[in-house]
Amino acid sequence: MSAPVKVMIVDDHPMVAEGIQSILESYDDIEVVGCLSNGRRAIDQFEDLNPDVILMDLNMPDVGGLSATEIVLERRPDMRIVILSMHDNPEYISSALSHGAMGYILKDVPTDEIKLAIDTVMQGQRYLCTGAQGSLEPKDTSRDALTEREQTILLQLAQGKANKEVAATLDISVRTVETHRKNIKRKLGISSTAGLTRYAMEHGVLQGTGVRI
């Protein structure tokens, strides 16, 4: 018999988290290894708890689900993260997927759909619950939006910092910075560092106002 799938639940509503935990513990092939109340705790503890799948609430205090997803995936690119949410807004769903989530399920889905989502992402496939699929309309993907993390790195690069300096500032690896840098250039259609700096100046990044595209 294969080892059970280890699941970590991250949700700031105790009743929701405990309800999901109770559901999952009824399955012999699932082991709940942690039930955490916010994204900050998820970031701090996921390496020790070593889950196979993280069920991540979207809206939480301190560090939200999207930021936590991005940071977790920087450290463990193979982590399977499924977003839990009450929102079926297409922008929420698209943003979750762009941050690296493998799944998106609404909190009011039937019990067996949570299990199906876990089984699906464990097979390396993306899972969207029926409500999320219906809300996710086709859109122009010729230019994807920068994630929050990419915006932060763009600011650092636009200030003239080298990859090693950015890595030290954000406490991530140089390779991760290089990957983000390539993705930023691809998304913005910019091939040079000078072009990134010019873009940052034109969109107010250097004034600390952020960039939203």
C-alpha atoms as a PDB file:
ATOM      1  CA  MET A   1       0.000   0.000   0.000  1.00  0.00           C
ATOM      2  CA  SER A   2       1.366   3.400  -0.987  1.00  0.00           C
ATOM      3  CA  ALA A   3       2.003   6.104   1.595  1.00  0.00           C
ATOM      4  CA  PRO A   4      -0.900   8.500   2.234  1.00  0.00           C
ATOM      5  CA  VAL A   5      -0.907  11.922   0.591  1.00  0.00           C
ATOM      6  CA  LYS A   6       0.247  14.506   3.125  1.00  0.00           C
ATOM      7  CA  VAL A   7      -1.964  17.601   3.116  1.00  0.00           C
ATOM      8  CA  MET A   8      -1.441  20.956   4.840  1.00  0.00           C
ATOM      9  CA  ILE A   9      -4.455  23.240   5.333  1.00  0.00           C
ATOM     10  CA  VAL A  10      -3.963  27.014   5.552  1.00  0.00           C
ATOM     11  CA  ASP A  11      -7.073  29.014   6.475  1.00  0.00           C
ATOM     12  CA  ASP A  12      -7.701  31.770   9.012  1.00  0.00           C
ATOM     13  CA  HIS A  13     -11.259  30.579   9.750  1.00  0.00           C
ATOM     14  CA  PRO A  14     -10.977  27.781  12.355  1.00  0.00           C
ATOM     15  CA  MET A  15     -14.399  26.301  11.569  1.00  0.00           C
ATOM     16  CA  VAL A  16     -13.549  26.039   7.865  1.00  0.00           C
ATOM     17  CA  ALA A  17     -10.111  24.560   8.508  1.00  0.00           C
ATOM     18  CA  GLU A  18     -11.418  22.064  11.061  1.00  0.00           C
ATOM     19  CA  GLY A  19     -14.275  21.100   8.755  1.00  0.00           C
ATOM     20  CA  ILE A  20     -11.919  20.371   5.869  1.00  0.00           C
ATOM     21  CA  GLN A  21      -9.561  18.506   8.181  1.00  0.00           C
ATOM     22  CA  SER A  22     -12.414  16.332   9.410  1.00  0.00           C
ATOM     23  CA  ILE A  23     -13.458  15.578   5.829  1.00  0.00           C
ATOM     24  CA  LEU A  24      -9.958  14.661   4.690  1.00  0.00           C
ATOM     25  CA  GLU A  25      -9.204  12.510   7.718  1.00  0.00           C
ATOM     26  CA  SER A  26     -12.109  10.260   6.724  1.00  0.00           C
ATOM     27  CA  TYR A  27     -10.000   9.055   3.775  1.00  0.00           C
ATOM     28  CA  ASP A  28      -7.455   6.320   4.413  1.00  0.00           C
ATOM     29  CA  ASP A  29      -5.092   7.607   1.733  1.00  0.00           C
ATOM     30  CA  ILE A  30      -4.806  11.176   3.117  1.00  0.00           C
ATOM     31  CA  GLU A  31      -2.899  12.421   6.156  1.00  0.00           C
ATOM     32  CA  VAL A  32      -3.407  15.998   7.386  1.00  0.00           C
ATOM     33  CA  VAL A  33       0.033  17.096   8.589  1.00  0.00           C
ATOM     34  CA  GLY A  34      -0.854  20.649   9.605  1.00  0.00           C
ATOM     35  CA  CYS A  35      -3.661  23.164   9.983  1.00  0.00           C
ATOM     36  CA  LEU A  36      -2.268  26.732   9.930  1.00  0.00           C
ATOM     37  CA  SER A  37      -4.026  30.066  10.321  1.00  0.00           C
ATOM     38  CA  ASN A  38      -2.197  32.346   7.852  1.00  0.00           C
ATOM     39  CA  GLY A  39       0.279  32.558   5.000  1.00  0.00           C
ATOM     40  CA  ARG A  40       3.164  33.617   7.233  1.00  0.00           C
ATOM     41  CA  ARG A  41       2.895  30.426   9.283  1.00  0.00           C
ATOM     42  CA  ALA A  42       2.625  28.409   6.071  1.00  0.00           C
ATOM     43  CA  ILE A  43       5.871  29.913   4.776  1.00  0.00           C
ATOM     44  CA  ASP A  44       7.629  29.309   8.089  1.00  0.00           C
ATOM     45  CA  GLN A  45       6.455  25.729   8.631  1.00  0.00           C
ATOM     46  CA  PHE A  46       5.823  24.017   5.287  1.00  0.00           C
ATOM     47  CA  GLU A  47       9.396  22.740   4.982  1.00  0.00           C
ATOM     48  CA  ASP A  48       9.223  21.050   8.396  1.00  0.00           C
ATOM     49  CA  LEU A  49       5.719  19.645   7.809  1.00  0.00           C
ATOM     50  CA  ASN A  50       6.727  18.561   4.279  1.00  0.00           C
ATOM     51  CA  PRO A  51       3.245  18.219   2.734  1.00  0.00           C
ATOM     52  CA  ASP A  52       2.559  16.849  -0.744  1.00  0.00           C
ATOM     53  CA  VAL A  53      -0.348  19.255  -1.242  1.00  0.00           C
ATOM     54  CA  ILE A  54      -1.203  22.593   0.360  1.00  0.00           C
ATOM     55  CA  LEU A  55      -4.828  23.777   0.501  1.00  0.00           C
ATOM     56  CA  MET A  56      -4.368  27.560   0.705  1.00  0.00           C
ATOM     57  CA  ASP A  57      -7.030  30.124   1.608  1.00  0.00           C
ATOM     58  CA  LEU A  58      -6.934  33.200  -0.618  1.00  0.00           C
ATOM     59  CA  ASN A  59      -7.694  36.045   1.793  1.00  0.00           C
ATOM     60  CA  MET A  60      -5.800  35.937   5.099  1.00  0.00           C
ATOM     61  CA  PRO A  61      -4.260  38.527   7.445  1.00  0.00           C
ATOM     62  CA  ASP A  62      -0.519  39.236   7.507  1.00  0.00           C
ATOM     63  CA  VAL A  63       0.427  37.253   4.383  1.00  0.00           C
ATOM     64  CA  GLY A  64      -2.324  36.343   1.921  1.00  0.00           C
ATOM     65  CA  GLY A  65      -2.658  33.166  -0.074  1.00  0.00           C
ATOM     66  CA  LEU A  66      -1.205  34.510  -3.330  1.00  0.00           C
ATOM     67  CA  SER A  67       1.967  35.879  -1.750  1.00  0.00           C
ATOM     68  CA  ALA A  68       2.394  32.736   0.335  1.00  0.00           C
ATOM     69  CA  THR A  69       1.928  30.579  -2.770  1.00  0.00           C
ATOM     70  CA  GLU A  70       4.597  32.485  -4.653  1.00  0.00           C
ATOM     71  CA  ILE A  71       7.135  32.340  -1.816  1.00  0.00           C
ATOM     72  CA  VAL A  72       6.522  28.648  -1.119  1.00  0.00           C
ATOM     73  CA  LEU A  73       7.023  27.839  -4.799  1.00  0.00           C
ATOM     74  CA  GLU A  74      10.280  29.797  -4.872  1.00  0.00           C
ATOM     75  CA  ARG A  75      11.592  27.426  -2.216  1.00  0.00           C
ATOM     76  CA  ARG A  76       9.837  24.284  -3.433  1.00  0.00           C
ATOM     77  CA  PRO A  77       8.943  24.606  -7.137  1.00  0.00           C
ATOM     78  CA  ASP A  78       7.394  21.122  -7.130  1.00  0.00           C
ATOM     79  CA  MET A  79       4.893  21.900  -4.347  1.00  0.00           C
ATOM     80  CA  ARG A  80       1.262  21.345  -5.350  1.00  0.00           C
ATOM     81  CA  ILE A  81      -0.903  24.211  -4.111  1.00  0.00           C
ATOM     82  CA  VAL A  82      -4.690  24.362  -4.405  1.00  0.00           C
ATOM     83  CA  ILE A  83      -6.360  27.681  -3.626  1.00  0.00           C
ATOM     84  CA  LEU A  84      -9.472  27.633  -1.419  1.00  0.00           C
ATOM     85  CA  SER A  85     -11.758  30.608  -1.902  1.00  0.00           C
ATOM     86  CA  MET A  86     -15.287  31.970  -1.665  1.00  0.00           C
ATOM     87  CA  HIS A  87     -14.631  34.070  -4.793  1.00  0.00           C
ATOM     88  CA  ASP A  88     -15.505  32.851  -8.281  1.00  0.00           C
ATOM     89  CA  ASN A  89     -14.357  36.113  -9.885  1.00  0.00           C
ATOM     90  CA  PRO A  90     -12.268  35.360 -13.023  1.00  0.00           C
ATOM     91  CA  GLU A  91      -9.571  37.824 -11.905  1.00  0.00           C
ATOM     92  CA  TYR A  92      -9.053  35.930  -8.642  1.00  0.00           C
ATOM     93  CA  ILE A  93      -8.804  32.610 -10.466  1.00  0.00           C
ATOM     94  CA  SER A  94      -6.445  33.891 -13.169  1.00  0.00           C
ATOM     95  CA  SER A  95      -4.256  35.567 -10.566  1.00  0.00           C
ATOM     96  CA  ALA A  96      -4.056  32.374  -8.499  1.00  0.00           C
ATOM     97  CA  LEU A  97      -2.988  30.347 -11.529  1.00  0.00           C
ATOM     98  CA  SER A  98      -0.445  32.981 -12.587  1.00  0.00           C
ATOM     99  CA  HIS A  99       1.092  32.777  -9.101  1.00  0.00           C
ATOM    100  CA  GLY A 100       1.680  29.055  -9.638  1.00  0.00           C
ATOM    101  CA  ALA A 101      -1.333  27.398  -8.005  1.00  0.00           C
ATOM    102  CA  MET A 102      -2.246  24.045  -9.578  1.00  0.00           C
ATOM    103  CA  GLY A 103      -5.862  24.189  -8.499  1.00  0.00           C
ATOM    104  CA  TYR A 104      -8.705  26.470  -7.473  1.00  0.00           C
ATOM    105  CA  ILE A 105     -11.784  25.283  -5.591  1.00  0.00           C
ATOM    106  CA  LEU A 106     -14.649  27.165  -4.006  1.00  0.00           C
ATOM    107  CA  LYS A 107     -15.316  26.577  -0.322  1.00  0.00           C
ATOM    108  CA  ASP A 108     -18.887  25.457  -0.962  1.00  0.00           C
ATOM    109  CA  VAL A 109     -17.924  22.513  -3.195  1.00  0.00           C
ATOM    110  CA  PRO A 110     -19.126  19.000  -2.238  1.00  0.00           C
ATOM    111  CA  THR A 111     -16.863  16.968   0.017  1.00  0.00           C
ATOM    112  CA  ASP A 112     -15.752  14.580  -2.697  1.00  0.00           C
ATOM    113  CA  GLU A 113     -14.605  17.436  -4.922  1.00  0.00           C
ATOM    114  CA  ILE A 114     -11.922  18.465  -2.433  1.00  0.00           C
ATOM    115  CA  LYS A 115     -10.625  14.881  -2.575  1.00  0.00           C
ATOM    116  CA  LEU A 116     -10.820  14.923  -6.375  1.00  0.00           C
ATOM    117  CA  ALA A 117      -8.803  18.158  -6.486  1.00  0.00           C
ATOM    118  CA  ILE A 118      -6.067  16.602  -4.335  1.00  0.00           C
ATOM    119  CA  ASP A 119      -5.971  13.418  -6.441  1.00  0.00           C
ATOM    120  CA  THR A 120      -5.820  15.453  -9.663  1.00  0.00           C
ATOM    121  CA  VAL A 121      -2.928  17.716  -8.686  1.00  0.00           C
ATOM    122  CA  MET A 122      -1.053  14.703  -7.290  1.00  0.00           C
ATOM    123  CA  GLN A 123      -1.163  13.365 -10.848  1.00  0.00           C
ATOM    124  CA  GLY A 124       0.466  16.577 -12.045  1.00  0.00           C
ATOM    125  CA  GLN A 125      -2.700  18.025 -13.578  1.00  0.00           C
ATOM    126  CA  ARG A 126      -4.441  21.331 -12.945  1.00  0.00           C
ATOM    127  CA  TYR A 127      -7.830  21.239 -11.232  1.00  0.00           C
ATOM    128  CA  LEU A 128     -10.550  23.888 -11.333  1.00  0.00           C
ATOM    129  CA  CYS A 129     -13.870  23.193  -9.665  1.00  0.00           C
ATOM    130  CA  THR A 130     -16.994  23.533 -11.813  1.00  0.00           C
ATOM    131  CA  GLY A 131     -17.831  26.989 -10.467  1.00  0.00           C
ATOM    132  CA  ALA A 132     -14.306  28.245 -11.148  1.00  0.00           C
ATOM    133  CA  GLN A 133     -14.263  26.802 -14.670  1.00  0.00           C
ATOM    134  CA  GLY A 134     -17.526  28.568 -15.471  1.00  0.00           C
ATOM    135  CA  SER A 135     -16.171  31.909 -14.300  1.00  0.00           C
ATOM    136  CA  LEU A 136     -12.822  31.684 -16.072  1.00  0.00           C
ATOM    137  CA  GLU A 137     -13.467  33.301 -19.405  1.00  0.00           C
ATOM    138  CA  PRO A 138     -10.988  33.210 -22.294  1.00  0.00           C
ATOM    139  CA  LYS A 139      -8.801  36.305 -22.316  1.00  0.00           C
ATOM    140  CA  ASP A 140      -5.939  37.823 -24.230  1.00  0.00           C
ATOM    141  CA  THR A 141      -2.816  36.160 -22.875  1.00  0.00           C
ATOM    142  CA  SER A 142      -0.405  37.948 -25.198  1.00  0.00           C
ATOM    143  CA  ARG A 143       0.847  39.915 -22.202  1.00  0.00           C
ATOM    144  CA  ASP A 144       0.467  38.379 -18.752  1.00  0.00           C
ATOM    145  CA  ALA A 145       0.335  40.531 -15.637  1.00  0.00           C
ATOM    146  CA  LEU A 146       3.376  40.691 -13.383  1.00  0.00           C
ATOM    147  CA  THR A 147       2.926  38.956 -10.043  1.00  0.00           C
ATOM    148  CA  GLU A 148       3.582  40.902  -6.835  1.00  0.00           C
ATOM    149  CA  ARG A 149       6.936  39.181  -6.473  1.00  0.00           C
ATOM    150  CA  GLU A 150       7.937  40.078 -10.039  1.00  0.00           C
ATOM    151  CA  GLN A 151       6.957  43.699  -9.378  1.00  0.00           C
ATOM    152  CA  THR A 152       9.218  43.705  -6.309  1.00  0.00           C
ATOM    153  CA  ILE A 153      12.116  42.266  -8.292  1.00  0.00           C
ATOM    154  CA  LEU A 154      11.527  44.725 -11.146  1.00  0.00           C
ATOM    155  CA  LEU A 155      11.882  47.556  -8.614  1.00  0.00           C
ATOM    156  CA  GLN A 156      15.172  46.109  -7.359  1.00  0.00           C
ATOM    157  CA  LEU A 157      16.545  45.654 -10.882  1.00  0.00           C
ATOM    158  CA  ALA A 158      15.432  49.123 -11.922  1.00  0.00           C
ATOM    159  CA  GLN A 159      17.482  50.521  -9.024  1.00  0.00           C
ATOM    160  CA  GLY A 160      20.541  49.036 -10.707  1.00  0.00           C
ATOM    161  CA  LYS A 161      21.020  46.083  -8.375  1.00  0.00           C
ATOM    162  CA  ALA A 162      22.746  42.947  -9.675  1.00  0.00           C
ATOM    163  CA  ASN A 163      21.069  39.547  -9.399  1.00  0.00           C
ATOM    164  CA  LYS A 164      23.228  38.652  -6.388  1.00  0.00           C
ATOM    165  CA  GLU A 165      22.216  41.851  -4.563  1.00  0.00           C
ATOM    166  CA  VAL A 166      18.533  41.244  -5.282  1.00  0.00           C
ATOM    167  CA  ALA A 167      18.849  37.658  -4.038  1.00  0.00           C
ATOM    168  CA  ALA A 168      20.458  38.833  -0.794  1.00  0.00           C
ATOM    169  CA  THR A 169      17.833  41.554  -0.252  1.00  0.00           C
ATOM    170  CA  LEU A 170      14.866  39.219  -0.770  1.00  0.00           C
ATOM    171  CA  ASP A 171      16.499  36.145   0.800  1.00  0.00           C
ATOM    172  CA  ILE A 172      16.098  33.979  -2.307  1.00  0.00           C
ATOM    173  CA  SER A 173      18.584  32.229  -4.562  1.00  0.00           C
ATOM    174  CA  VAL A 174      20.365  33.911  -7.461  1.00  0.00           C
ATOM    175  CA  ARG A 175      18.845  31.299  -9.768  1.00  0.00           C
ATOM    176  CA  THR A 176      15.351  32.308  -8.612  1.00  0.00           C
ATOM    177  CA  VAL A 177      16.132  35.958  -9.379  1.00  0.00           C
ATOM    178  CA  GLU A 178      17.379  34.977 -12.831  1.00  0.00           C
ATOM    179  CA  THR A 179      14.181  33.033 -13.488  1.00  0.00           C
ATOM    180  CA  HIS A 180      12.020  35.964 -12.386  1.00  0.00           C
ATOM    181  CA  ARG A 181      14.109  38.320 -14.519  1.00  0.00           C
ATOM    182  CA  LYS A 182      13.535  36.179 -17.622  1.00  0.00           C
ATOM    183  CA  ASN A 183       9.808  35.984 -16.904  1.00  0.00           C
ATOM    184  CA  ILE A 184       9.568  39.755 -16.420  1.00  0.00           C
ATOM    185  CA  LYS A 185      11.341  40.404 -19.726  1.00  0.00           C
ATOM    186  CA  ARG A 186       9.105  37.875 -21.484  1.00  0.00           C
ATOM    187  CA  LYS A 187       5.889  39.294 -20.053  1.00  0.00           C
ATOM    188  CA  LEU A 188       6.817  42.904 -20.821  1.00  0.00           C
ATOM    189  CA  GLY A 189       8.380  42.124 -24.196  1.00  0.00           C
ATOM    190  CA  ILE A 190      11.620  43.798 -23.094  1.00  0.00           C
ATOM    191  CA  SER A 191      15.023  42.310 -23.921  1.00  0.00           C
ATOM    192  CA  SER A 192      17.474  44.553 -22.053  1.00  0.00           C
ATOM    193  CA  THR A 193      18.087  45.753 -18.508  1.00  0.00           C
ATOM    194  CA  ALA A 194      18.018  49.334 -19.785  1.00  0.00           C
ATOM    195  CA  GLY A 195      14.573  48.616 -21.185  1.00  0.00           C
ATOM    196  CA  LEU A 196      13.408  47.358 -17.802  1.00  0.00           C
ATOM    197  CA  THR A 197      14.713  50.516 -16.133  1.00  0.00           C
ATOM    198  CA  ARG A 198      12.976  52.709 -18.685  1.00  0.00           C
ATOM    199  CA  TYR A 199       9.729  50.793 -18.222  1.00  0.00           C
ATOM    200  CA  ALA A 200      10.019  51.173 -14.430  1.00  0.00           C
ATOM    201  CA  MET A 201      10.556  54.933 -14.751  1.00  0.00           C
ATOM    202  CA  GLU A 202       7.615  55.348 -17.118  1.00  0.00           C
ATOM    203  CA  HIS A 203       5.260  53.379 -14.842  1.00  0.00           C
ATOM    204  CA  GLY A 204       6.282  54.970 -11.545  1.00  0.00           C
ATOM    205  CA  VAL A 205       8.033  51.921 -10.114  1.00  0.00           C
ATOM    206  CA  LEU A 206      11.090  53.881  -9.045  1.00  0.00           C
ATOM    207  CA  GLN A 207       8.861  56.225  -7.072  1.00  0.00           C
ATOM    208  CA  GLY A 208       7.645  53.233  -5.091  1.00  0.00           C
ATOM    209  CA  THR A 209       4.125  53.438  -6.467  1.00  0.00           C
ATOM    210  CA  GLY A 210       4.219  49.924  -7.864  1.00  0.00           C
ATOM    211  CA  VAL A 211       3.238  48.819 -11.331  1.00  0.00           C
ATOM    212  CA  ARG A 212      -0.051  47.347 -12.410  1.00  0.00           C
ATOM    213  CA  ILE A 213      -0.451  46.067 -15.916  1.00  0.00           C
END
